[in-house]
Amino acid sequence: MAKMNWKGKNVLVTGADGFIGSHLAKALDDKGTSVLTIVRDIKKKSNIDILGLKNKISVIHGNLVNYADCERVINEYDIELCFHLAAQAIVGPANRSPLSTFESNIKGTWNLLEASRLSKTIKGIVIASSDKAYGQQNKLPYTEESPLNGYFPYDASKACAEIIARCYFMTYQLPLAITRNANTYGPADMNISRIIPDVITKLIKNEQPLIRSDGTPKRDYMYIKDAVNAYLTIAENLHRKDVLGQAFNFGTGKPISVLELYNKIIKLIGKNVKPKILGQAKNEIDRQYLSIKKAKSILKWEPKYSLDKGLRETIAWYKSYFLK
């Protein structure tokens, strides 16, 4: 198959003011794509500014929870492809305020799917789910056949969004596929409460890092460039019968405990600081990691970045950002 020609395509990236969405929007802009995003809150400084995208992509003021906003953007801008990454993604606020998380993550998804179904121009949608949709499983690593047992608000919202997306594929043949990504890290993740940016920024500022859990939970951490490559790869394969309507896991397949990760970061930064271990993390799963066999065999995708290489680039970025 000829490589997809991204040049001049009208592509909607929801969540382009967030961490992963902004990196995806930047990669698409670099390919000559005409990128649009819908933004609810105009923040003083979002990832659109941090990655220098302000004058490169079109930012439309609107809210995915309003169906009319979704319909207007898709129709007025002749959107051909949509990457749906917008979500309330932080576990703490999701647990405290489930309704707003359900509204943005589930209703936002069905509004976008319905507007796409009625659109004359949409040729494909990539829906961002998460490894969290699997919830607690007895069998590891999670495969795409594992049941979606998301019990906590964020996890449940992702599982619901997936079921609705699959319904639109089965009932209306809407051309879509679903990504289930491992924890993603890298430059410009401004959700500093996440472990990697939190530890790096505290060490840069000579503060003692805190670990919310007891340090033993195991997770899979994927570098942002591998995540962006996963989104582009799945979109480029949306014409295939063995990809349409399917969910794919993307990660490294190499789980690491929170404490091992912490020790890697301090070694790379060159500071020997003991963390303060709080042991307070609630509603979080002990072990989570993914099998990426399906993505490897069907999409020929695999991660290119080792954890050390990704962390090195990430640390260098935060140093240049916070120490300038």
Protein backbone atom coordinates (compact mmCIF):
# COMPACT_ATOMS: atom_id res chain seq x y z
CA MET A 1 0.00 0.00 0.00
CA ALA A 2 1.21 3.50 -0.81
CA LYS A 3 2.02 5.56 2.26
CA MET A 4 -0.88 7.85 3.17
CA ASN A 5 -0.42 11.34 1.82
CA TRP A 6 -1.09 13.61 4.81
CA LYS A 7 -0.34 16.80 2.89
CA GLY A 8 -3.35 19.12 2.71
CA LYS A 9 -5.70 16.69 4.53
CA ASN A 10 -8.23 18.32 6.88
CA VAL A 11 -7.73 16.55 10.19
CA LEU A 12 -9.49 17.18 13.51
CA VAL A 13 -7.45 16.38 16.63
CA THR A 14 -9.60 16.71 19.73
CA GLY A 15 -7.52 17.33 22.84
CA ALA A 16 -4.72 19.08 20.89
CA ASP A 17 -4.29 21.46 23.83
CA GLY A 18 -3.30 18.45 25.98
CA PHE A 19 -0.10 16.43 26.20
CA ILE A 20 -0.52 13.63 23.63
CA GLY A 21 -2.87 15.59 21.36
CA SER A 22 -0.42 18.48 21.01
CA HIS A 23 2.44 16.16 20.02
CA LEU A 24 0.16 14.44 17.48
CA ALA A 25 -0.99 17.81 16.10
CA LYS A 26 2.66 18.89 15.77
CA ALA A 27 3.59 15.68 13.92
CA LEU A 28 0.64 16.15 11.53
CA ASP A 29 1.51 19.82 10.97
CA ASP A 30 5.07 18.76 10.14
CA LYS A 31 3.59 16.50 7.44
CA GLY A 32 1.72 19.44 5.85
CA THR A 33 -1.69 18.48 7.25
CA SER A 34 -4.33 21.13 7.90
CA VAL A 35 -4.97 20.52 11.63
CA LEU A 36 -7.98 21.76 13.58
CA THR A 37 -8.91 21.35 17.20
CA ILE A 38 -11.91 22.24 19.40
CA VAL A 39 -10.97 23.90 22.68
CA ARG A 40 -13.44 24.53 25.51
CA ASP A 41 -11.31 26.65 27.83
CA ILE A 42 -8.84 29.17 26.49
CA LYS A 43 -6.01 28.77 28.98
CA LYS A 44 -3.29 31.32 29.62
CA LYS A 45 -0.74 28.76 28.47
CA SER A 46 -1.63 25.38 27.00
CA ASN A 47 0.40 22.81 25.09
CA ILE A 48 -0.58 24.60 21.88
CA ASP A 49 1.61 27.50 23.06
CA ILE A 50 4.34 25.34 24.61
CA LEU A 51 4.89 23.36 21.38
CA GLY A 52 4.66 26.51 19.23
CA LEU A 53 1.46 25.50 17.43
CA LYS A 54 -0.57 28.68 17.95
CA ASN A 55 -0.10 29.99 14.41
CA LYS A 56 0.12 26.58 12.78
CA ILE A 57 -3.19 24.90 13.65
CA SER A 58 -6.76 26.22 13.70
CA VAL A 59 -8.20 26.46 17.21
CA ILE A 60 -12.01 26.50 17.28
CA HIS A 61 -13.74 27.55 20.47
CA GLY A 62 -16.36 24.95 21.38
CA ASN A 63 -17.27 22.03 23.60
CA LEU A 64 -17.52 18.38 22.55
CA VAL A 65 -20.36 17.99 25.06
CA ASN A 66 -22.44 20.26 22.73
CA TYR A 67 -23.47 18.23 19.71
CA ALA A 68 -23.89 21.38 17.57
CA ASP A 69 -20.21 22.28 18.11
CA CYS A 70 -19.06 18.87 16.85
CA GLU A 71 -21.35 19.02 13.84
CA ARG A 72 -20.30 22.56 12.93
CA VAL A 73 -16.57 21.88 12.98
CA ILE A 74 -16.78 18.63 11.02
CA ASN A 75 -19.06 20.12 8.36
CA GLU A 76 -17.69 23.64 8.04
CA TYR A 77 -14.09 22.51 7.78
CA ASP A 78 -14.65 19.41 5.58
CA ILE A 79 -12.92 17.16 8.10
CA GLU A 80 -11.64 13.95 6.49
CA LEU A 81 -10.06 12.26 9.49
CA CYS A 82 -10.55 12.62 13.21
CA PHE A 83 -8.27 11.67 16.10
CA HIS A 84 -10.40 11.76 19.24
CA LEU A 85 -8.03 12.26 22.17
CA ALA A 86 -9.93 14.81 24.27
CA ALA A 87 -10.71 13.45 27.73
CA GLN A 88 -10.67 14.27 31.39
CA ALA A 89 -7.66 12.08 32.00
CA ILE A 90 -6.41 12.59 35.55
CA VAL A 91 -7.46 9.88 38.00
CA GLY A 92 -7.78 12.09 41.13
CA PRO A 93 -10.29 14.62 39.69
CA ALA A 94 -12.15 11.75 37.95
CA ASN A 95 -12.70 10.03 41.31
CA ARG A 96 -13.75 13.29 42.99
CA SER A 97 -16.03 14.41 40.19
CA PRO A 98 -17.31 11.46 38.15
CA LEU A 99 -20.15 13.28 36.37
CA SER A 100 -17.96 15.78 34.52
CA THR A 101 -15.60 12.92 33.59
CA PHE A 102 -18.51 10.83 32.25
CA GLU A 103 -19.88 13.80 30.37
CA SER A 104 -16.65 14.76 28.63
CA ASN A 105 -15.37 11.22 28.02
CA ILE A 106 -18.61 9.45 27.05
CA LYS A 107 -21.02 12.10 25.78
CA GLY A 108 -18.16 13.90 24.00
CA THR A 109 -17.41 10.64 22.18
CA TRP A 110 -20.98 9.88 21.10
CA ASN A 111 -21.47 13.47 19.87
CA LEU A 112 -18.37 13.20 17.72
CA LEU A 113 -19.38 9.77 16.39
CA GLU A 114 -22.87 10.96 15.50
CA ALA A 115 -21.59 14.10 13.76
CA SER A 116 -19.13 11.89 11.84
CA ARG A 117 -21.83 9.41 10.87
CA LEU A 118 -23.86 12.21 9.28
CA SER A 119 -20.85 13.87 7.66
CA LYS A 120 -20.21 13.59 3.91
CA THR A 121 -16.45 14.06 4.26
CA ILE A 122 -15.23 11.86 7.16
CA LYS A 123 -13.19 8.87 5.98
CA GLY A 124 -11.95 7.60 9.32
CA ILE A 125 -11.81 8.09 13.10
CA VAL A 126 -9.22 6.96 15.63
CA ILE A 127 -10.67 6.75 19.15
CA ALA A 128 -8.22 6.99 22.05
CA SER A 129 -9.12 4.56 24.79
CA SER A 130 -6.64 3.47 27.45
CA ASP A 131 -5.10 0.45 29.13
CA LYS A 132 -7.20 1.58 32.14
CA ALA A 133 -10.36 0.37 30.35
CA TYR A 134 -9.25 -3.20 31.17
CA GLY A 135 -9.44 -2.51 34.91
CA GLN A 136 -8.24 -5.26 37.24
CA GLN A 137 -7.37 -8.51 35.46
CA ASN A 138 -6.13 -11.82 36.81
CA LYS A 139 -4.22 -12.58 33.61
CA LEU A 140 -1.31 -10.41 32.52
CA PRO A 141 -0.32 -8.97 30.15
CA TYR A 142 -3.70 -7.65 28.95
CA THR A 143 -4.56 -8.71 25.42
CA GLU A 144 -7.23 -7.11 23.25
CA GLU A 145 -9.46 -10.09 24.13
CA SER A 146 -9.35 -9.30 27.87
CA PRO A 147 -12.73 -8.07 29.16
CA LEU A 148 -13.17 -4.33 29.81
CA ASN A 149 -13.51 -4.28 33.60
CA GLY A 150 -13.05 -0.56 34.20
CA TYR A 151 -14.57 -0.09 37.68
CA PHE A 152 -13.37 3.42 38.64
CA PRO A 153 -14.73 6.59 36.96
CA TYR A 154 -11.95 7.27 34.41
CA ASP A 155 -11.55 3.56 33.59
CA ALA A 156 -15.32 3.05 33.25
CA SER A 157 -15.69 6.15 31.05
CA LYS A 158 -13.09 4.78 28.63
CA ALA A 159 -14.76 1.35 28.52
CA CYS A 160 -18.16 3.02 27.79
CA ALA A 161 -16.69 5.19 25.03
CA GLU A 162 -15.24 2.08 23.42
CA ILE A 163 -18.52 0.19 23.50
CA ILE A 164 -20.31 3.15 21.88
CA ALA A 165 -17.58 3.46 19.23
CA ARG A 166 -17.87 -0.22 18.40
CA CYS A 167 -21.65 0.17 18.18
CA TYR A 168 -21.17 2.92 15.54
CA PHE A 169 -18.86 0.63 13.59
CA MET A 170 -21.17 -2.40 13.76
CA THR A 171 -24.44 -0.55 13.16
CA TYR A 172 -23.41 2.22 10.75
CA GLN A 173 -20.09 0.89 9.38
CA LEU A 174 -18.41 4.09 10.57
CA PRO A 175 -14.71 3.54 9.68
CA LEU A 176 -12.91 3.61 13.01
CA ALA A 177 -10.34 1.89 15.19
CA ILE A 178 -9.47 2.17 18.87
CA THR A 179 -6.12 2.67 20.60
CA ARG A 180 -5.44 1.39 24.10
CA ASN A 181 -2.21 3.02 25.17
CA ALA A 182 0.05 2.34 28.10
CA ASN A 183 1.04 5.26 30.37
CA THR A 184 2.62 7.81 28.04
CA TYR A 185 5.38 10.21 29.05
CA GLY A 186 7.66 12.73 27.39
CA PRO A 187 8.44 16.42 26.92
CA ALA A 188 5.73 19.00 27.65
CA ASP A 189 3.50 16.82 29.82
CA MET A 190 2.20 19.63 32.01
CA ASN A 191 0.06 17.33 34.17
CA ILE A 192 2.84 17.48 36.71
CA SER A 193 0.92 15.20 39.09
CA ARG A 194 1.90 12.26 36.86
CA ILE A 195 4.86 10.36 38.25
CA ILE A 196 7.52 11.02 35.57
CA PRO A 197 7.09 14.82 35.21
CA ASP A 198 6.51 15.11 38.96
CA VAL A 199 9.75 13.37 39.94
CA ILE A 200 11.81 15.14 37.25
CA THR A 201 10.53 18.64 38.10
CA LYS A 202 10.96 18.13 41.86
CA LEU A 203 14.55 16.94 41.37
CA ILE A 204 15.29 19.89 39.07
CA LYS A 205 13.94 22.24 41.77
CA ASN A 206 15.86 20.43 44.53
CA GLU A 207 12.68 19.29 46.28
CA GLN A 208 11.99 15.83 47.69
CA PRO A 209 9.77 13.80 45.32
CA LEU A 210 6.67 12.14 46.75
CA ILE A 211 5.42 8.70 45.72
CA ARG A 212 1.67 8.37 46.28
CA SER A 213 1.65 4.55 46.24
CA ASP A 214 3.90 2.24 48.24
CA GLY A 215 6.26 2.08 45.25
CA THR A 216 5.42 -1.49 44.18
CA PRO A 217 2.72 -0.99 41.45
CA LYS A 218 3.96 -2.07 38.03
CA ARG A 219 3.15 -0.12 34.90
CA ASP A 220 4.14 0.07 31.25
CA TYR A 221 5.58 3.49 30.22
CA MET A 222 5.63 4.42 26.52
CA TYR A 223 7.52 7.38 25.10
CA ILE A 224 5.44 10.08 23.39
CA LYS A 225 7.14 9.64 19.98
CA ASP A 226 6.14 5.97 19.98
CA ALA A 227 2.57 6.94 20.94
CA VAL A 228 2.33 9.48 18.09
CA ASN A 229 3.70 6.90 15.69
CA ALA A 230 1.01 4.47 16.90
CA TYR A 231 -1.78 6.97 16.10
CA LEU A 232 -0.41 7.72 12.64
CA THR A 233 0.12 4.01 11.89
CA ILE A 234 -3.44 3.04 12.86
CA ALA A 235 -4.88 5.91 10.78
CA GLU A 236 -2.80 4.89 7.75
CA ASN A 237 -4.26 1.37 8.00
CA LEU A 238 -7.94 2.29 8.41
CA HIS A 239 -8.73 1.06 4.89
CA ARG A 240 -8.00 -2.54 5.98
CA LYS A 241 -10.72 -4.99 6.97
CA ASP A 242 -8.53 -6.49 9.72
CA VAL A 243 -8.10 -3.04 11.30
CA LEU A 244 -11.59 -1.50 11.03
CA GLY A 245 -13.61 -1.75 14.22
CA GLN A 246 -10.63 -3.22 16.07
CA ALA A 247 -8.88 -2.16 19.26
CA PHE A 248 -5.08 -2.25 19.46
CA ASN A 249 -2.79 -2.16 22.49
CA PHE A 250 0.23 0.11 22.24
CA GLY A 251 3.00 0.06 24.84
CA THR A 252 6.45 -1.37 25.41
CA GLY A 253 5.40 -4.72 26.90
CA LYS A 254 8.05 -4.12 29.59
CA PRO A 255 6.49 -3.31 32.96
CA ILE A 256 8.51 -1.58 35.67
CA SER A 257 7.66 -0.81 39.30
CA VAL A 258 7.26 2.79 40.49
CA LEU A 259 10.41 2.51 42.65
CA GLU A 260 12.50 1.03 39.81
CA LEU A 261 11.31 3.89 37.60
CA TYR A 262 12.21 6.40 40.31
CA ASN A 263 15.70 4.93 40.63
CA LYS A 264 16.19 5.16 36.85
CA ILE A 265 15.24 8.85 36.87
CA ILE A 266 17.56 9.80 39.76
CA LYS A 267 20.43 7.92 38.10
CA LEU A 268 19.87 9.75 34.79
CA ILE A 269 19.55 13.14 36.51
CA GLY A 270 22.58 12.39 38.68
CA LYS A 271 21.00 13.11 42.07
CA ASN A 272 20.75 10.63 44.89
CA VAL A 273 17.56 11.73 46.68
CA LYS A 274 15.32 9.33 48.58
CA PRO A 275 11.60 9.80 47.81
CA LYS A 276 8.93 10.27 50.45
CA ILE A 277 6.70 7.20 50.08
CA LEU A 278 3.13 8.03 51.09
CA GLY A 279 1.42 4.71 50.38
CA GLN A 280 -1.90 6.50 49.86
CA ALA A 281 -2.92 5.76 46.27
CA LYS A 282 -6.58 4.71 46.22
CA ASN A 283 -8.61 3.22 43.36
CA GLU A 284 -5.48 2.40 41.43
CA ILE A 285 -4.59 -1.00 40.05
CA ASP A 286 -1.52 -2.84 41.29
CA ARG A 287 -0.20 -4.32 38.05
CA GLN A 288 -0.98 -3.15 34.55
CA TYR A 289 0.80 -3.92 31.35
CA LEU A 290 -0.11 -4.78 27.79
CA SER A 291 0.63 -7.38 25.16
CA ILE A 292 1.51 -5.59 21.90
CA LYS A 293 1.54 -8.74 19.74
CA LYS A 294 -1.54 -7.70 17.74
CA ALA A 295 -0.11 -4.28 16.80
CA LYS A 296 3.18 -5.92 15.86
CA SER A 297 1.63 -8.59 13.64
CA ILE A 298 -1.20 -6.61 11.99
CA LEU A 299 0.14 -3.05 11.91
CA LYS A 300 3.88 -3.89 11.92
CA TRP A 301 4.20 -1.33 14.72
CA GLU A 302 6.63 -1.59 17.59
CA PRO A 303 8.15 0.92 20.00
CA LYS A 304 11.49 2.41 18.95
CA TYR A 305 12.40 4.05 22.27
CA SER A 306 13.82 2.28 25.31
CA LEU A 307 12.79 3.71 28.69
CA ASP A 308 16.32 5.11 29.21
CA LYS A 309 16.39 6.85 25.84
CA GLY A 310 12.91 8.32 26.31
CA LEU A 311 13.68 9.48 29.87
CA ARG A 312 16.92 11.14 28.72
CA GLU A 313 15.05 13.23 26.12
CA THR A 314 12.30 14.01 28.65
CA ILE A 315 14.73 15.14 31.38
CA ALA A 316 16.60 17.34 28.87
CA TRP A 317 13.32 19.02 27.87
CA TYR A 318 12.20 19.76 31.46
CA LYS A 319 15.64 21.12 32.31
CA SER A 320 15.54 23.50 29.36
CA TYR A 321 11.94 24.49 30.21
CA PHE A 322 12.30 25.05 33.95
CA LEU A 323 15.90 26.25 34.11
CA LYS A 324 15.79 28.80 31.32
